[in-house]
């Protein structure tokens, strides 16, 4: 399943890296603890978080994640958006909670594997 298919199904709004929405999503992971994500998220996973600072982009780039989804109607910091855009890392936002977002992704077939 591509990132674009997930974004369209869930009504996610792309705020950075929008030219990379045709990436394949290999799995999903949800956490707000960066060290947890670094230790457990898989290459190609879509990451659901409420973190909005630029370290999120650094972790996503390090792990070659397919995208970051910022939940709860939060706004990612401007410097983080610029960094994501420069690195071509898709960042999407939603007003849904992490729980609801992950549930809907699971219903689409995205699985969390560690």
Foldseek 3Di string as FASTA:
>chain_A
DFQVVLCVVVVWAWLALVVLRRQDAPAEEEDADLVVCLVFPAAQHEYEYQDQEQVVLVSCVVRNYQAYEHEQPDHHDPVNRVSCRVVSHIYIYDNHDSVVSVVVVVVVPHHHDD
